[in-house]
Amino acid sequence: MSEQPCKHITSITELKLPHAHVCEECIKTGTRWVHLRTCQTCGATLCCDSSPQTHMTKHNQETHHPVVISAEPGEQWLWCYPDENFVEY
């Protein structure tokens, strides 16, 4: 890992991987996404802040689920919202 991980990240024992490479909310409304993130609390795969709808940040604000991973092929990192901690794995 590239940085010292926070307690939210170190508490993860097994990664939740995306079930499909789609934003679950954008599919419902027919909107587009740029990149995808997967919540490490509930497994939801939603779009990132570069996407028009910013579904993952909205999910974090509503649920307070702290950690996401990139759901993009070839990317291996975690992001903790409350601690603003980025860690590659």
N, C-alpha and C. Protein backbone atom coordinates (compact mmCIF):
# COMPACT_ATOMS: atom_id res chain seq x y z
N MET A 1 0.85 -1.18 0.00
CA MET A 1 0.00 0.00 0.00
C MET A 1 0.89 1.24 0.00
N SER A 2 0.43 2.29 -0.67
CA SER A 2 1.29 3.45 -0.87
C SER A 2 1.30 4.43 0.30
N GLU A 3 0.28 4.51 1.10
CA GLU A 3 0.21 5.41 2.25
C GLU A 3 -0.19 4.62 3.49
N GLN A 4 -0.07 5.26 4.63
CA GLN A 4 -0.54 4.64 5.87
C GLN A 4 -2.06 4.62 5.84
N PRO A 5 -2.69 3.45 5.84
CA PRO A 5 -4.15 3.40 5.77
C PRO A 5 -4.81 3.81 7.08
N CYS A 6 -5.99 4.38 6.97
CA CYS A 6 -6.78 4.78 8.14
C CYS A 6 -7.50 3.57 8.73
N LYS A 7 -8.15 3.78 9.87
CA LYS A 7 -8.84 2.68 10.55
C LYS A 7 -10.00 2.13 9.71
N HIS A 8 -10.64 2.96 8.90
CA HIS A 8 -11.74 2.47 8.06
C HIS A 8 -11.21 1.48 7.02
N ILE A 9 -10.07 1.83 6.43
CA ILE A 9 -9.49 0.95 5.41
C ILE A 9 -8.90 -0.30 6.03
N THR A 10 -8.22 -0.18 7.16
CA THR A 10 -7.62 -1.36 7.78
C THR A 10 -8.66 -2.33 8.33
N SER A 11 -9.88 -1.87 8.52
CA SER A 11 -10.93 -2.77 9.01
C SER A 11 -11.50 -3.67 7.91
N ILE A 12 -11.17 -3.39 6.67
CA ILE A 12 -11.66 -4.21 5.55
C ILE A 12 -10.82 -5.48 5.46
N THR A 13 -11.48 -6.62 5.53
CA THR A 13 -10.76 -7.89 5.48
C THR A 13 -10.90 -8.58 4.13
N GLU A 14 -11.95 -8.27 3.39
CA GLU A 14 -12.16 -8.85 2.07
C GLU A 14 -12.84 -7.80 1.19
N LEU A 15 -12.27 -7.55 0.02
CA LEU A 15 -12.82 -6.53 -0.87
C LEU A 15 -14.14 -6.98 -1.49
N LYS A 16 -15.08 -6.04 -1.57
CA LYS A 16 -16.31 -6.25 -2.31
C LYS A 16 -16.05 -5.76 -3.72
N LEU A 17 -16.15 -6.65 -4.70
CA LEU A 17 -15.87 -6.31 -6.08
C LEU A 17 -17.17 -6.02 -6.82
N PRO A 18 -17.12 -5.24 -7.90
CA PRO A 18 -18.35 -4.93 -8.63
C PRO A 18 -18.94 -6.18 -9.27
N HIS A 19 -20.27 -6.25 -9.27
CA HIS A 19 -20.97 -7.37 -9.92
C HIS A 19 -21.08 -7.14 -11.42
N ALA A 20 -21.16 -5.87 -11.81
CA ALA A 20 -21.23 -5.49 -13.22
C ALA A 20 -20.55 -4.15 -13.38
N HIS A 21 -20.11 -3.84 -14.58
CA HIS A 21 -19.41 -2.58 -14.83
C HIS A 21 -20.42 -1.52 -15.28
N VAL A 22 -21.36 -1.21 -14.38
CA VAL A 22 -22.38 -0.18 -14.63
C VAL A 22 -22.68 0.55 -13.34
N CYS A 23 -23.12 1.80 -13.46
CA CYS A 23 -23.61 2.53 -12.29
C CYS A 23 -25.06 2.11 -12.08
N GLU A 24 -25.35 1.54 -10.93
CA GLU A 24 -26.69 1.02 -10.64
C GLU A 24 -27.76 2.11 -10.72
N GLU A 25 -27.44 3.35 -10.37
CA GLU A 25 -28.41 4.45 -10.41
C GLU A 25 -28.51 5.07 -11.80
N CYS A 26 -27.40 5.22 -12.52
CA CYS A 26 -27.45 5.78 -13.87
C CYS A 26 -28.27 4.89 -14.80
N ILE A 27 -28.18 3.58 -14.62
CA ILE A 27 -28.94 2.64 -15.44
C ILE A 27 -30.44 2.91 -15.28
N LYS A 28 -30.88 3.20 -14.06
CA LYS A 28 -32.30 3.45 -13.79
C LYS A 28 -32.81 4.70 -14.50
N THR A 29 -31.96 5.71 -14.63
CA THR A 29 -32.40 6.99 -15.19
C THR A 29 -31.91 7.23 -16.61
N GLY A 30 -31.10 6.33 -17.13
CA GLY A 30 -30.59 6.48 -18.48
C GLY A 30 -29.51 7.54 -18.62
N THR A 31 -28.82 7.85 -17.52
CA THR A 31 -27.73 8.82 -17.58
C THR A 31 -26.40 8.10 -17.76
N ARG A 32 -25.38 8.87 -18.09
CA ARG A 32 -24.05 8.30 -18.34
C ARG A 32 -23.13 8.52 -17.15
N TRP A 33 -22.09 7.70 -17.09
CA TRP A 33 -21.09 7.83 -16.04
C TRP A 33 -19.71 7.88 -16.67
N VAL A 34 -18.73 8.34 -15.89
CA VAL A 34 -17.34 8.42 -16.36
C VAL A 34 -16.55 7.24 -15.80
N HIS A 35 -16.49 7.12 -14.47
CA HIS A 35 -15.78 6.03 -13.80
C HIS A 35 -16.68 5.47 -12.70
N LEU A 36 -16.36 4.28 -12.27
CA LEU A 36 -17.18 3.60 -11.26
C LEU A 36 -16.40 3.30 -10.00
N ARG A 37 -17.12 3.29 -8.88
CA ARG A 37 -16.57 2.97 -7.57
C ARG A 37 -17.49 1.94 -6.91
N THR A 38 -16.94 1.07 -6.08
CA THR A 38 -17.73 0.07 -5.37
C THR A 38 -17.61 0.30 -3.87
N CYS A 39 -18.75 0.46 -3.21
CA CYS A 39 -18.81 0.67 -1.77
C CYS A 39 -18.35 -0.58 -1.05
N GLN A 40 -17.48 -0.42 -0.07
CA GLN A 40 -16.95 -1.56 0.66
C GLN A 40 -17.79 -1.94 1.87
N THR A 41 -18.88 -1.22 2.10
CA THR A 41 -19.82 -1.60 3.16
C THR A 41 -20.95 -2.44 2.59
N CYS A 42 -21.57 -1.97 1.50
CA CYS A 42 -22.76 -2.66 0.97
C CYS A 42 -22.57 -3.26 -0.41
N GLY A 43 -21.47 -2.94 -1.10
CA GLY A 43 -21.21 -3.51 -2.42
C GLY A 43 -21.84 -2.78 -3.59
N ALA A 44 -22.49 -1.65 -3.36
CA ALA A 44 -23.10 -0.89 -4.45
C ALA A 44 -22.01 -0.36 -5.37
N THR A 45 -22.25 -0.44 -6.68
CA THR A 45 -21.33 0.13 -7.66
C THR A 45 -22.02 1.33 -8.28
N LEU A 46 -21.39 2.50 -8.12
CA LEU A 46 -21.98 3.77 -8.54
C LEU A 46 -20.92 4.65 -9.19
N CYS A 47 -21.37 5.73 -9.82
CA CYS A 47 -20.46 6.60 -10.57
C CYS A 47 -19.69 7.57 -9.67
N CYS A 48 -18.56 8.02 -10.18
CA CYS A 48 -17.63 8.87 -9.44
C CYS A 48 -17.99 10.35 -9.55
N ASP A 49 -17.18 11.19 -8.92
CA ASP A 49 -17.42 12.64 -8.93
C ASP A 49 -17.16 13.28 -10.29
N SER A 50 -16.47 12.62 -11.20
CA SER A 50 -16.30 13.15 -12.55
C SER A 50 -17.54 12.91 -13.41
N SER A 51 -18.45 12.09 -12.92
CA SER A 51 -19.69 11.80 -13.63
C SER A 51 -20.73 12.85 -13.28
N PRO A 52 -21.64 13.14 -14.21
CA PRO A 52 -22.63 14.19 -13.96
C PRO A 52 -23.48 13.99 -12.70
N GLN A 53 -23.81 12.77 -12.36
CA GLN A 53 -24.72 12.51 -11.25
C GLN A 53 -24.03 12.27 -9.90
N THR A 54 -22.75 12.03 -9.88
CA THR A 54 -21.95 11.80 -8.66
C THR A 54 -22.64 10.88 -7.66
N HIS A 55 -23.13 9.74 -8.14
CA HIS A 55 -23.92 8.85 -7.29
C HIS A 55 -23.17 8.29 -6.09
N MET A 56 -21.86 8.00 -6.24
CA MET A 56 -21.15 7.40 -5.09
C MET A 56 -21.01 8.40 -3.95
N THR A 57 -20.70 9.65 -4.25
CA THR A 57 -20.60 10.65 -3.18
C THR A 57 -21.95 10.86 -2.52
N LYS A 58 -23.02 10.87 -3.30
CA LYS A 58 -24.37 10.99 -2.73
C LYS A 58 -24.67 9.79 -1.83
N HIS A 59 -24.25 8.61 -2.27
CA HIS A 59 -24.42 7.39 -1.46
C HIS A 59 -23.69 7.54 -0.13
N ASN A 60 -22.46 8.03 -0.18
CA ASN A 60 -21.69 8.23 1.05
C ASN A 60 -22.37 9.24 1.97
N GLN A 61 -22.87 10.31 1.42
CA GLN A 61 -23.52 11.35 2.23
C GLN A 61 -24.80 10.83 2.88
N GLU A 62 -25.51 9.96 2.18
CA GLU A 62 -26.76 9.41 2.72
C GLU A 62 -26.53 8.28 3.71
N THR A 63 -25.54 7.43 3.46
CA THR A 63 -25.35 6.21 4.26
C THR A 63 -24.19 6.30 5.25
N HIS A 64 -23.25 7.18 4.98
CA HIS A 64 -22.01 7.30 5.75
C HIS A 64 -21.14 6.04 5.64
N HIS A 65 -21.31 5.28 4.55
CA HIS A 65 -20.40 4.17 4.29
C HIS A 65 -19.06 4.78 3.89
N PRO A 66 -17.98 4.49 4.61
CA PRO A 66 -16.76 5.27 4.48
C PRO A 66 -15.83 4.96 3.31
N VAL A 67 -15.74 3.70 2.86
CA VAL A 67 -14.68 3.33 1.93
C VAL A 67 -15.23 2.80 0.61
N VAL A 68 -14.58 3.24 -0.48
CA VAL A 68 -14.89 2.71 -1.81
C VAL A 68 -13.59 2.24 -2.45
N ILE A 69 -13.74 1.34 -3.42
CA ILE A 69 -12.61 0.98 -4.28
C ILE A 69 -12.95 1.44 -5.69
N SER A 70 -11.91 1.58 -6.51
CA SER A 70 -12.14 1.82 -7.92
C SER A 70 -12.68 0.55 -8.53
N ALA A 71 -13.72 0.69 -9.35
CA ALA A 71 -14.27 -0.46 -10.06
C ALA A 71 -13.77 -0.49 -11.50
N GLU A 72 -12.76 0.33 -11.78
CA GLU A 72 -12.19 0.40 -13.12
C GLU A 72 -11.16 -0.70 -13.32
N PRO A 73 -11.21 -1.41 -14.45
CA PRO A 73 -10.21 -2.43 -14.72
C PRO A 73 -8.80 -1.86 -14.67
N GLY A 74 -7.91 -2.56 -13.99
CA GLY A 74 -6.52 -2.14 -13.90
C GLY A 74 -6.21 -1.18 -12.77
N GLU A 75 -7.24 -0.61 -12.13
CA GLU A 75 -7.00 0.28 -10.99
C GLU A 75 -7.19 -0.50 -9.70
N GLN A 76 -6.29 -0.30 -8.76
CA GLN A 76 -6.35 -1.00 -7.49
C GLN A 76 -6.09 -0.02 -6.36
N TRP A 77 -7.14 0.67 -5.93
CA TRP A 77 -7.01 1.62 -4.85
C TRP A 77 -8.30 1.73 -4.05
N LEU A 78 -8.15 2.22 -2.83
CA LEU A 78 -9.26 2.47 -1.92
C LEU A 78 -9.27 3.95 -1.57
N TRP A 79 -10.45 4.49 -1.30
CA TRP A 79 -10.61 5.87 -0.87
C TRP A 79 -11.52 5.87 0.35
N CYS A 80 -11.10 6.56 1.40
CA CYS A 80 -11.90 6.72 2.61
C CYS A 80 -12.43 8.15 2.61
N TYR A 81 -13.75 8.30 2.55
CA TYR A 81 -14.36 9.63 2.56
C TYR A 81 -14.08 10.42 3.84
N PRO A 82 -14.36 9.88 5.03
CA PRO A 82 -14.19 10.70 6.23
C PRO A 82 -12.74 11.12 6.49
N ASP A 83 -11.79 10.25 6.20
CA ASP A 83 -10.39 10.56 6.47
C ASP A 83 -9.64 11.08 5.24
N GLU A 84 -10.32 11.12 4.10
CA GLU A 84 -9.70 11.54 2.84
C GLU A 84 -8.39 10.81 2.63
N ASN A 85 -8.45 9.49 2.79
CA ASN A 85 -7.26 8.64 2.72
C ASN A 85 -7.31 7.82 1.43
N PHE A 86 -6.28 7.92 0.60
CA PHE A 86 -6.15 7.18 -0.65
C PHE A 86 -5.04 6.15 -0.47
N VAL A 87 -5.34 4.89 -0.78
CA VAL A 87 -4.36 3.82 -0.62
C VAL A 87 -4.42 2.90 -1.83
N GLU A 88 -3.26 2.66 -2.43
CA GLU A 88 -3.17 1.66 -3.51
C GLU A 88 -2.92 0.30 -2.88
N TYR A 89 -3.40 -0.74 -3.54
CA TYR A 89 -3.14 -2.10 -3.04
C TYR A 89 -2.65 -2.98 -4.15
